[in-house]
N, C-alpha and C. Protein backbone atom coordinates (compact mmCIF):
# COMPACT_ATOMS: atom_id res chain seq x y z
N MET A 1 9.47 -2.38 -24.88
CA MET A 1 8.22 -2.87 -24.32
C MET A 1 7.08 -2.01 -24.93
N SER A 2 6.00 -2.63 -25.39
CA SER A 2 4.87 -1.97 -25.92
C SER A 2 4.10 -1.25 -24.83
N ILE A 3 3.21 -0.33 -25.26
CA ILE A 3 2.37 0.39 -24.27
C ILE A 3 1.50 -0.65 -23.50
N SER A 4 0.91 -1.57 -24.23
CA SER A 4 0.07 -2.59 -23.50
C SER A 4 0.88 -3.41 -22.54
N GLN A 5 2.05 -3.80 -22.88
CA GLN A 5 2.96 -4.55 -21.96
C GLN A 5 3.30 -3.71 -20.79
N THR A 6 3.57 -2.40 -21.00
CA THR A 6 3.92 -1.45 -19.90
C THR A 6 2.79 -1.38 -18.87
N ILE A 7 1.54 -1.29 -19.42
CA ILE A 7 0.40 -1.26 -18.58
C ILE A 7 0.15 -2.55 -17.76
N VAL A 8 0.36 -3.68 -18.42
CA VAL A 8 0.24 -4.97 -17.76
C VAL A 8 1.24 -5.07 -16.68
N VAL A 9 2.49 -4.67 -16.90
CA VAL A 9 3.54 -4.69 -15.86
C VAL A 9 3.16 -3.74 -14.72
N ALA A 10 2.69 -2.55 -15.05
CA ALA A 10 2.28 -1.58 -14.02
C ALA A 10 1.19 -2.19 -13.14
N ALA A 11 0.25 -2.86 -13.72
CA ALA A 11 -0.83 -3.48 -12.95
C ALA A 11 -0.24 -4.61 -12.10
N TYR A 12 0.65 -5.36 -12.67
CA TYR A 12 1.32 -6.45 -11.93
C TYR A 12 2.08 -5.96 -10.75
N LEU A 13 2.70 -4.81 -10.86
CA LEU A 13 3.46 -4.24 -9.72
C LEU A 13 2.59 -3.92 -8.52
N THR A 14 1.30 -3.79 -8.79
CA THR A 14 0.41 -3.47 -7.67
C THR A 14 0.04 -4.73 -6.83
N LEU A 15 0.13 -5.91 -7.42
CA LEU A 15 -0.34 -7.10 -6.76
C LEU A 15 0.17 -7.36 -5.33
N PRO A 16 1.50 -7.33 -5.12
CA PRO A 16 1.92 -7.60 -3.78
C PRO A 16 1.36 -6.63 -2.76
N LEU A 17 1.19 -5.38 -3.13
CA LEU A 17 0.66 -4.34 -2.26
C LEU A 17 -0.86 -4.58 -1.99
N VAL A 18 -1.56 -5.00 -3.02
CA VAL A 18 -2.95 -5.37 -2.81
C VAL A 18 -3.05 -6.49 -1.78
N VAL A 19 -2.21 -7.53 -1.92
CA VAL A 19 -2.31 -8.65 -1.04
C VAL A 19 -1.93 -8.20 0.38
N GLY A 20 -0.83 -7.42 0.46
CA GLY A 20 -0.36 -6.91 1.78
C GLY A 20 -1.47 -6.05 2.44
N GLY A 21 -2.13 -5.20 1.63
CA GLY A 21 -3.19 -4.36 2.16
C GLY A 21 -4.41 -5.16 2.60
N ILE A 22 -4.78 -6.19 1.87
CA ILE A 22 -5.85 -7.02 2.26
C ILE A 22 -5.54 -7.77 3.54
N LEU A 23 -4.31 -8.29 3.61
CA LEU A 23 -3.92 -8.98 4.83
C LEU A 23 -3.95 -8.06 6.05
N HIS A 24 -3.53 -6.78 5.82
CA HIS A 24 -3.61 -5.80 6.88
C HIS A 24 -5.03 -5.53 7.32
N MET A 25 -5.92 -5.34 6.36
CA MET A 25 -7.32 -5.06 6.74
C MET A 25 -7.96 -6.24 7.52
N ILE A 26 -7.64 -7.45 7.06
CA ILE A 26 -8.11 -8.62 7.79
C ILE A 26 -7.58 -8.66 9.20
N THR A 27 -6.31 -8.35 9.29
CA THR A 27 -5.65 -8.34 10.67
C THR A 27 -6.31 -7.32 11.53
N VAL A 28 -6.59 -6.10 11.02
CA VAL A 28 -7.25 -5.06 11.77
C VAL A 28 -8.70 -5.53 12.18
N LYS A 29 -9.42 -6.04 11.20
CA LYS A 29 -10.81 -6.47 11.43
C LYS A 29 -10.94 -7.56 12.53
N THR A 30 -9.98 -8.47 12.48
CA THR A 30 -10.07 -9.63 13.44
C THR A 30 -9.21 -9.36 14.66
N ASP A 31 -8.53 -8.21 14.73
CA ASP A 31 -7.69 -7.88 15.85
C ASP A 31 -6.56 -8.90 16.11
N LEU A 32 -6.04 -9.44 15.00
CA LEU A 32 -4.85 -10.27 15.12
C LEU A 32 -3.64 -9.42 15.50
N LEU A 33 -2.63 -10.06 16.06
CA LEU A 33 -1.41 -9.40 16.47
C LEU A 33 -1.66 -8.16 17.35
N ALA A 34 -2.60 -8.35 18.24
CA ALA A 34 -3.01 -7.16 19.11
C ALA A 34 -1.83 -6.68 19.91
N PHE A 35 -0.80 -7.50 20.16
CA PHE A 35 0.33 -7.02 20.95
C PHE A 35 1.04 -5.92 20.22
N ALA A 36 0.91 -5.82 18.96
CA ALA A 36 1.59 -4.80 18.10
C ALA A 36 0.71 -3.62 17.72
N LYS A 37 -0.50 -3.58 18.30
CA LYS A 37 -1.45 -2.51 18.04
C LYS A 37 -1.08 -1.32 18.93
N ILE A 38 0.13 -0.90 18.77
CA ILE A 38 0.61 0.26 19.56
C ILE A 38 0.84 1.39 18.62
N PRO A 39 0.27 2.55 18.86
CA PRO A 39 0.48 3.68 17.95
C PRO A 39 1.93 4.05 17.80
N VAL A 40 2.34 4.38 16.58
CA VAL A 40 3.71 4.81 16.36
C VAL A 40 3.93 6.08 17.14
N ASN A 41 3.00 7.00 17.09
CA ASN A 41 2.98 8.23 17.90
C ASN A 41 1.58 8.78 17.78
N ALA A 42 0.73 8.53 18.74
CA ALA A 42 -0.67 8.87 18.67
C ALA A 42 -0.90 10.36 18.53
N THR A 43 -0.10 11.19 19.15
CA THR A 43 -0.26 12.60 19.05
C THR A 43 0.10 13.09 17.62
N ALA A 44 1.16 12.60 17.08
CA ALA A 44 1.63 13.08 15.72
C ALA A 44 0.78 12.50 14.64
N PHE A 45 0.45 11.17 14.69
CA PHE A 45 -0.12 10.49 13.55
C PHE A 45 -1.56 9.92 13.82
N GLY A 46 -2.03 9.95 15.08
CA GLY A 46 -3.27 9.36 15.38
C GLY A 46 -3.14 7.93 15.84
N ALA A 47 -4.18 7.36 16.41
CA ALA A 47 -4.13 6.03 17.00
C ALA A 47 -4.16 4.92 15.94
N ASN A 48 -4.55 5.20 14.69
CA ASN A 48 -4.66 4.18 13.66
C ASN A 48 -3.34 3.79 13.07
N LYS A 49 -2.29 4.67 13.18
CA LYS A 49 -0.97 4.29 12.61
C LYS A 49 -0.19 3.56 13.69
N THR A 50 -0.18 2.24 13.58
CA THR A 50 0.42 1.40 14.58
C THR A 50 1.62 0.60 14.07
N TRP A 51 2.37 0.06 14.98
CA TRP A 51 3.49 -0.85 14.67
C TRP A 51 2.98 -2.11 14.01
N ARG A 52 1.71 -2.48 14.32
CA ARG A 52 1.17 -3.64 13.65
C ARG A 52 1.01 -3.39 12.14
N GLY A 53 0.68 -2.14 11.74
CA GLY A 53 0.60 -1.83 10.40
C GLY A 53 1.90 -2.00 9.62
N PHE A 54 2.95 -1.56 10.29
CA PHE A 54 4.31 -1.71 9.66
C PHE A 54 4.63 -3.18 9.57
N LEU A 55 4.35 -3.99 10.64
CA LEU A 55 4.63 -5.41 10.58
C LEU A 55 3.90 -6.15 9.48
N VAL A 56 2.59 -5.95 9.46
CA VAL A 56 1.75 -6.64 8.53
C VAL A 56 2.01 -6.25 7.10
N MET A 57 2.13 -4.93 6.86
CA MET A 57 2.39 -4.49 5.50
C MET A 57 3.77 -5.01 5.01
N SER A 58 4.75 -4.87 5.89
CA SER A 58 6.15 -5.33 5.47
C SER A 58 6.18 -6.85 5.24
N PHE A 59 5.76 -7.62 6.20
CA PHE A 59 5.82 -9.08 6.07
C PHE A 59 4.76 -9.64 5.12
N GLY A 60 3.56 -9.01 5.14
CA GLY A 60 2.50 -9.46 4.20
C GLY A 60 2.86 -9.23 2.76
N THR A 61 3.46 -8.09 2.46
CA THR A 61 3.84 -7.78 1.09
C THR A 61 5.06 -8.66 0.68
N ALA A 62 5.98 -8.93 1.65
CA ALA A 62 7.09 -9.80 1.37
C ALA A 62 6.58 -11.20 1.07
N PHE A 63 5.60 -11.67 1.83
CA PHE A 63 4.97 -12.99 1.56
C PHE A 63 4.39 -12.99 0.19
N ALA A 64 3.67 -11.96 -0.19
CA ALA A 64 3.02 -11.90 -1.50
C ALA A 64 4.01 -11.94 -2.64
N THR A 65 5.12 -11.17 -2.47
CA THR A 65 6.16 -11.29 -3.54
C THR A 65 6.74 -12.67 -3.62
N PHE A 66 6.92 -13.33 -2.51
CA PHE A 66 7.44 -14.68 -2.50
C PHE A 66 6.51 -15.61 -3.27
N VAL A 67 5.22 -15.53 -3.02
CA VAL A 67 4.27 -16.43 -3.69
C VAL A 67 4.18 -16.03 -5.17
N ILE A 68 3.97 -14.74 -5.47
CA ILE A 68 3.83 -14.28 -6.82
C ILE A 68 5.08 -14.67 -7.64
N GLY A 69 6.19 -14.53 -7.05
CA GLY A 69 7.47 -14.84 -7.77
C GLY A 69 7.64 -16.29 -8.14
N ARG A 70 6.84 -17.17 -7.53
CA ARG A 70 6.89 -18.60 -7.88
C ARG A 70 5.84 -19.02 -8.82
N LEU A 71 4.97 -18.17 -9.20
CA LEU A 71 3.93 -18.56 -10.20
C LEU A 71 4.54 -18.66 -11.58
N GLU A 72 4.20 -19.68 -12.28
CA GLU A 72 4.72 -19.88 -13.60
C GLU A 72 4.28 -18.78 -14.58
N THR A 73 3.14 -18.20 -14.31
CA THR A 73 2.59 -17.21 -15.20
C THR A 73 3.10 -15.76 -14.90
N THR A 74 4.07 -15.67 -14.08
CA THR A 74 4.68 -14.37 -13.68
C THR A 74 5.22 -13.67 -14.91
N PRO A 75 4.60 -12.52 -15.29
CA PRO A 75 5.12 -11.82 -16.49
C PRO A 75 6.33 -10.95 -16.19
N LEU A 76 6.79 -10.94 -14.99
CA LEU A 76 7.82 -10.08 -14.61
C LEU A 76 8.77 -10.75 -13.59
N ALA A 77 10.00 -10.74 -13.85
CA ALA A 77 10.98 -11.45 -13.00
C ALA A 77 11.34 -10.70 -11.73
N VAL A 78 10.83 -9.47 -11.58
CA VAL A 78 11.19 -8.67 -10.48
C VAL A 78 10.90 -9.29 -9.09
N PHE A 79 9.87 -10.13 -9.11
CA PHE A 79 9.49 -10.80 -7.82
C PHE A 79 10.15 -12.19 -7.66
N ALA A 80 10.72 -12.70 -8.71
CA ALA A 80 11.28 -14.06 -8.72
C ALA A 80 12.59 -14.11 -7.93
N GLY A 81 12.85 -15.35 -7.41
CA GLY A 81 14.15 -15.57 -6.75
C GLY A 81 14.24 -14.89 -5.40
N PRO A 82 15.41 -14.97 -4.81
CA PRO A 82 15.56 -14.43 -3.42
C PRO A 82 15.38 -12.94 -3.26
N GLN A 83 15.58 -12.18 -4.38
CA GLN A 83 15.43 -10.76 -4.24
C GLN A 83 13.95 -10.30 -4.08
N GLY A 84 12.98 -11.19 -4.36
CA GLY A 84 11.56 -10.83 -4.23
C GLY A 84 11.17 -10.53 -2.81
N ILE A 85 11.73 -11.30 -1.87
CA ILE A 85 11.27 -11.16 -0.42
C ILE A 85 11.75 -9.78 0.11
N PRO A 86 13.04 -9.47 -0.04
CA PRO A 86 13.42 -8.12 0.48
C PRO A 86 12.72 -6.92 -0.25
N LEU A 87 12.45 -7.12 -1.54
CA LEU A 87 11.75 -6.12 -2.29
C LEU A 87 10.34 -5.98 -1.70
N GLY A 88 9.62 -7.00 -1.43
CA GLY A 88 8.33 -7.02 -0.86
C GLY A 88 8.32 -6.37 0.50
N PHE A 89 9.31 -6.71 1.30
CA PHE A 89 9.44 -6.11 2.64
C PHE A 89 9.60 -4.62 2.57
N LEU A 90 10.46 -4.11 1.66
CA LEU A 90 10.73 -2.71 1.51
C LEU A 90 9.47 -1.99 0.95
N LEU A 91 8.76 -2.64 0.03
CA LEU A 91 7.54 -2.05 -0.50
C LEU A 91 6.49 -1.86 0.64
N GLY A 92 6.30 -2.92 1.45
CA GLY A 92 5.32 -2.82 2.54
C GLY A 92 5.73 -1.78 3.56
N PHE A 93 7.04 -1.68 3.85
CA PHE A 93 7.54 -0.73 4.85
C PHE A 93 7.31 0.72 4.32
N ALA A 94 7.68 0.86 3.01
CA ALA A 94 7.55 2.19 2.39
C ALA A 94 6.10 2.58 2.35
N TYR A 95 5.22 1.61 2.12
CA TYR A 95 3.75 1.88 2.07
C TYR A 95 3.30 2.49 3.43
N ALA A 96 3.67 1.81 4.49
CA ALA A 96 3.30 2.30 5.82
C ALA A 96 4.03 3.58 6.22
N LEU A 97 5.26 3.72 5.88
CA LEU A 97 6.06 4.94 6.22
C LEU A 97 5.53 6.18 5.53
N PHE A 98 5.18 6.04 4.26
CA PHE A 98 4.77 7.20 3.46
C PHE A 98 3.35 7.61 3.75
N GLU A 99 2.62 6.86 4.64
CA GLU A 99 1.29 7.28 5.11
C GLU A 99 1.42 8.28 6.24
N LEU A 100 2.54 8.26 6.89
CA LEU A 100 2.69 9.08 8.09
C LEU A 100 2.60 10.61 7.86
N PRO A 101 3.31 11.17 6.83
CA PRO A 101 3.20 12.63 6.67
C PRO A 101 1.76 13.10 6.42
N ASN A 102 0.96 12.37 5.68
CA ASN A 102 -0.41 12.75 5.45
C ASN A 102 -1.22 12.69 6.76
N SER A 103 -0.98 11.65 7.56
CA SER A 103 -1.62 11.54 8.86
C SER A 103 -1.22 12.69 9.76
N TYR A 104 0.03 13.00 9.72
CA TYR A 104 0.55 14.15 10.58
C TYR A 104 -0.16 15.46 10.20
N LEU A 105 -0.27 15.70 8.83
CA LEU A 105 -0.95 16.89 8.42
C LEU A 105 -2.45 16.91 8.89
N LYS A 106 -3.09 15.78 8.68
CA LYS A 106 -4.48 15.69 9.06
C LYS A 106 -4.68 15.89 10.60
N ARG A 107 -3.78 15.37 11.43
CA ARG A 107 -3.92 15.59 12.89
C ARG A 107 -3.70 17.05 13.21
N ARG A 108 -2.75 17.71 12.52
CA ARG A 108 -2.53 19.17 12.79
C ARG A 108 -3.74 19.98 12.41
N MET A 109 -4.52 19.50 11.45
CA MET A 109 -5.68 20.21 11.01
C MET A 109 -6.92 19.83 11.80
N GLY A 110 -6.80 18.90 12.76
CA GLY A 110 -7.93 18.49 13.63
C GLY A 110 -8.85 17.47 12.95
N ILE A 111 -8.37 16.81 11.87
CA ILE A 111 -9.14 15.82 11.18
C ILE A 111 -8.90 14.50 11.89
N GLN A 112 -9.97 13.82 12.27
CA GLN A 112 -9.90 12.60 13.02
C GLN A 112 -9.35 11.43 12.14
N PRO A 113 -8.67 10.45 12.80
CA PRO A 113 -8.10 9.29 12.05
C PRO A 113 -9.22 8.56 11.25
N GLY A 114 -8.93 8.28 10.02
CA GLY A 114 -9.90 7.57 9.21
C GLY A 114 -10.95 8.46 8.53
N GLU A 115 -10.87 9.75 8.80
CA GLU A 115 -11.86 10.68 8.26
C GLU A 115 -11.29 11.55 7.16
N LEU A 116 -12.18 12.19 6.38
CA LEU A 116 -11.81 13.16 5.41
C LEU A 116 -12.43 14.49 5.79
N PRO A 117 -11.75 15.61 5.58
CA PRO A 117 -12.33 16.89 5.97
C PRO A 117 -13.43 17.29 5.01
N ARG A 118 -14.33 18.17 5.49
CA ARG A 118 -15.44 18.69 4.63
C ARG A 118 -14.85 19.54 3.46
N GLU A 119 -13.91 20.45 3.82
CA GLU A 119 -13.32 21.29 2.80
C GLU A 119 -12.13 20.52 2.14
N LYS A 120 -12.02 20.74 0.85
CA LYS A 120 -10.93 20.14 0.12
C LYS A 120 -10.91 18.58 0.25
N ARG A 121 -12.05 18.02 0.34
CA ARG A 121 -12.21 16.56 0.52
C ARG A 121 -11.51 15.78 -0.62
N TRP A 122 -11.66 16.27 -1.80
CA TRP A 122 -11.02 15.66 -2.99
C TRP A 122 -9.49 15.60 -2.87
N LEU A 123 -8.94 16.67 -2.30
CA LEU A 123 -7.49 16.73 -2.11
C LEU A 123 -7.00 15.68 -1.15
N PHE A 124 -7.69 15.52 -0.04
CA PHE A 124 -7.30 14.54 0.98
C PHE A 124 -7.62 13.11 0.47
N PHE A 125 -8.67 12.98 -0.33
CA PHE A 125 -8.96 11.68 -0.94
C PHE A 125 -7.76 11.31 -1.81
N ALA A 126 -7.30 12.22 -2.66
CA ALA A 126 -6.18 12.01 -3.53
C ALA A 126 -4.93 11.68 -2.75
N LEU A 127 -4.64 12.44 -1.71
CA LEU A 127 -3.51 12.20 -0.82
C LEU A 127 -3.54 10.85 -0.21
N ASP A 128 -4.69 10.48 0.30
CA ASP A 128 -4.93 9.15 0.92
C ASP A 128 -4.63 7.98 -0.04
N HIS A 129 -4.84 8.25 -1.35
CA HIS A 129 -4.62 7.19 -2.31
C HIS A 129 -3.32 7.29 -3.07
N THR A 130 -2.47 8.23 -2.78
CA THR A 130 -1.20 8.38 -3.47
C THR A 130 0.02 8.44 -2.54
N ASP A 131 -0.21 8.80 -1.24
CA ASP A 131 0.91 8.92 -0.34
C ASP A 131 1.78 7.68 -0.30
N SER A 132 1.16 6.57 -0.03
CA SER A 132 1.88 5.31 0.00
C SER A 132 2.51 4.88 -1.32
N LEU A 133 1.76 5.19 -2.39
CA LEU A 133 2.23 4.86 -3.71
C LEU A 133 3.51 5.59 -4.03
N LEU A 134 3.66 6.78 -3.51
CA LEU A 134 4.89 7.53 -3.81
C LEU A 134 6.07 6.80 -3.17
N GLY A 135 5.88 6.30 -1.96
CA GLY A 135 7.02 5.50 -1.33
C GLY A 135 7.36 4.27 -2.13
N CYS A 136 6.27 3.58 -2.53
CA CYS A 136 6.47 2.33 -3.25
C CYS A 136 7.05 2.60 -4.68
N THR A 137 6.71 3.67 -5.28
CA THR A 137 7.24 4.05 -6.55
C THR A 137 8.74 4.28 -6.39
N LEU A 138 9.15 4.97 -5.35
CA LEU A 138 10.51 5.20 -5.04
C LEU A 138 11.27 3.91 -4.88
N VAL A 139 10.71 2.97 -4.13
CA VAL A 139 11.37 1.61 -3.95
C VAL A 139 11.51 0.92 -5.26
N TYR A 140 10.45 0.86 -6.10
CA TYR A 140 10.53 0.24 -7.34
C TYR A 140 11.59 0.85 -8.26
N PHE A 141 11.61 2.19 -8.30
CA PHE A 141 12.59 2.89 -9.10
C PHE A 141 14.02 2.57 -8.65
N LEU A 142 14.26 2.61 -7.38
CA LEU A 142 15.61 2.31 -6.85
C LEU A 142 15.98 0.83 -7.16
N TRP A 143 14.99 -0.04 -7.10
CA TRP A 143 15.24 -1.49 -7.32
C TRP A 143 15.40 -1.82 -8.72
N ARG A 144 14.52 -1.27 -9.61
CA ARG A 144 14.59 -1.58 -11.04
C ARG A 144 14.34 -0.30 -11.88
N PRO A 145 15.34 0.58 -12.02
CA PRO A 145 15.10 1.78 -12.75
C PRO A 145 14.86 1.52 -14.27
N ASP A 146 15.21 0.31 -14.72
CA ASP A 146 15.00 -0.05 -16.12
C ASP A 146 13.47 -0.20 -16.40
N LEU A 147 12.66 -0.29 -15.39
CA LEU A 147 11.20 -0.41 -15.56
C LEU A 147 10.48 0.97 -15.42
N LEU A 148 11.20 2.02 -15.60
CA LEU A 148 10.62 3.34 -15.35
C LEU A 148 9.24 3.59 -15.99
N PRO A 149 9.02 3.24 -17.20
CA PRO A 149 7.65 3.51 -17.79
C PRO A 149 6.62 2.76 -17.02
N SER A 150 6.83 1.51 -16.68
CA SER A 150 5.86 0.72 -15.89
C SER A 150 5.73 1.23 -14.47
N ILE A 151 6.82 1.74 -13.91
CA ILE A 151 6.77 2.26 -12.53
C ILE A 151 5.94 3.56 -12.55
N VAL A 152 6.09 4.42 -13.51
CA VAL A 152 5.21 5.57 -13.66
C VAL A 152 3.75 5.18 -13.85
N GLY A 153 3.55 4.16 -14.68
CA GLY A 153 2.22 3.59 -14.85
C GLY A 153 1.64 3.05 -13.54
N PHE A 154 2.48 2.38 -12.77
CA PHE A 154 2.05 1.92 -11.42
C PHE A 154 1.61 3.07 -10.59
N PHE A 155 2.30 4.17 -10.56
CA PHE A 155 1.87 5.32 -9.73
C PHE A 155 0.55 5.86 -10.17
N PHE A 156 0.31 5.90 -11.47
CA PHE A 156 -0.99 6.48 -11.94
C PHE A 156 -2.14 5.44 -11.92
N LEU A 157 -1.87 4.21 -12.07
CA LEU A 157 -2.86 3.15 -12.02
C LEU A 157 -3.25 2.81 -10.56
N GLY A 158 -2.26 2.96 -9.66
CA GLY A 158 -2.45 2.58 -8.26
C GLY A 158 -3.66 3.15 -7.56
N PRO A 159 -3.92 4.43 -7.68
CA PRO A 159 -5.08 5.01 -6.99
C PRO A 159 -6.40 4.35 -7.43
N THR A 160 -6.52 4.02 -8.70
CA THR A 160 -7.76 3.35 -9.18
C THR A 160 -7.90 1.96 -8.54
N ILE A 161 -6.79 1.22 -8.54
CA ILE A 161 -6.80 -0.10 -7.98
C ILE A 161 -7.07 -0.06 -6.46
N HIS A 162 -6.42 0.95 -5.79
CA HIS A 162 -6.62 1.18 -4.34
C HIS A 162 -8.10 1.39 -4.04
N THR A 163 -8.72 2.26 -4.84
CA THR A 163 -10.14 2.61 -4.64
C THR A 163 -11.05 1.35 -4.85
N LEU A 164 -10.75 0.62 -5.92
CA LEU A 164 -11.55 -0.60 -6.17
C LEU A 164 -11.42 -1.64 -5.06
N VAL A 165 -10.18 -1.86 -4.61
CA VAL A 165 -9.97 -2.79 -3.49
C VAL A 165 -10.70 -2.32 -2.27
N ASN A 166 -10.65 -1.00 -1.97
CA ASN A 166 -11.37 -0.50 -0.82
C ASN A 166 -12.86 -0.74 -0.89
N LEU A 167 -13.44 -0.56 -2.09
CA LEU A 167 -14.87 -0.83 -2.29
C LEU A 167 -15.22 -2.30 -2.10
N VAL A 168 -14.40 -3.19 -2.58
CA VAL A 168 -14.60 -4.60 -2.41
C VAL A 168 -14.51 -4.95 -0.92
N LEU A 169 -13.48 -4.49 -0.21
CA LEU A 169 -13.35 -4.73 1.21
C LEU A 169 -14.52 -4.16 2.03
N TYR A 170 -14.99 -3.02 1.60
CA TYR A 170 -16.20 -2.45 2.23
C TYR A 170 -17.40 -3.30 2.05
N ALA A 171 -17.60 -3.74 0.81
CA ALA A 171 -18.75 -4.60 0.48
C ALA A 171 -18.68 -5.94 1.24
N LEU A 172 -17.48 -6.39 1.54
CA LEU A 172 -17.33 -7.67 2.31
C LEU A 172 -17.32 -7.39 3.82
N ARG A 173 -17.51 -6.14 4.18
CA ARG A 173 -17.56 -5.71 5.61
C ARG A 173 -16.24 -5.91 6.32
N ILE A 174 -15.18 -5.91 5.59
CA ILE A 174 -13.84 -5.99 6.20
C ILE A 174 -13.38 -4.53 6.56
N ARG A 175 -13.78 -3.63 5.72
CA ARG A 175 -13.44 -2.15 5.87
C ARG A 175 -14.64 -1.43 6.36
N LYS A 176 -14.46 -0.48 7.32
CA LYS A 176 -15.59 0.28 7.85
C LYS A 176 -16.15 1.34 6.91
N GLN A 177 -15.26 1.96 6.16
CA GLN A 177 -15.67 3.02 5.23
C GLN A 177 -15.17 2.63 3.81
N PRO A 178 -15.92 2.98 2.77
CA PRO A 178 -15.49 2.69 1.41
C PRO A 178 -14.23 3.47 0.95
N PHE A 179 -14.02 4.65 1.54
CA PHE A 179 -12.84 5.50 1.10
C PHE A 179 -12.03 5.94 2.27
């Protein structure tokens, strides 16, 4: 695979997570599935880490892989067929799960949910944009180790895409803060 193909595949690997994340932000904004807006552990992770997040990210990302896997222009068969749905579910679950250690650390430091500290702001910005990607990178690697160069590209391209999506959602008033 050429470098340009590797980059295209890396970008493609972000799509289901972008869709899952957008669905999650819309769900939060409109307070859908309020019955699941129960904190996983408010003391440990803060009130913003809820079971609803796990549900929406897991099923939303699974839905996205299902749809993307059926597009004729799909440049990657990783989402096609019946394996796309469980892959999407695992990606969404890993995304939500791998946010928890960062939230735990921030709660121990007295940083409020959804906030960044004054000191070392850049470090927590980086953590906020890579914690979930680490989990998703692991899932992709376990699922398709043959795509390692694209998976590494996914990890490094992901924070940029995450930031751009956040800015768009903020501009659309779906997200409260741009970062």
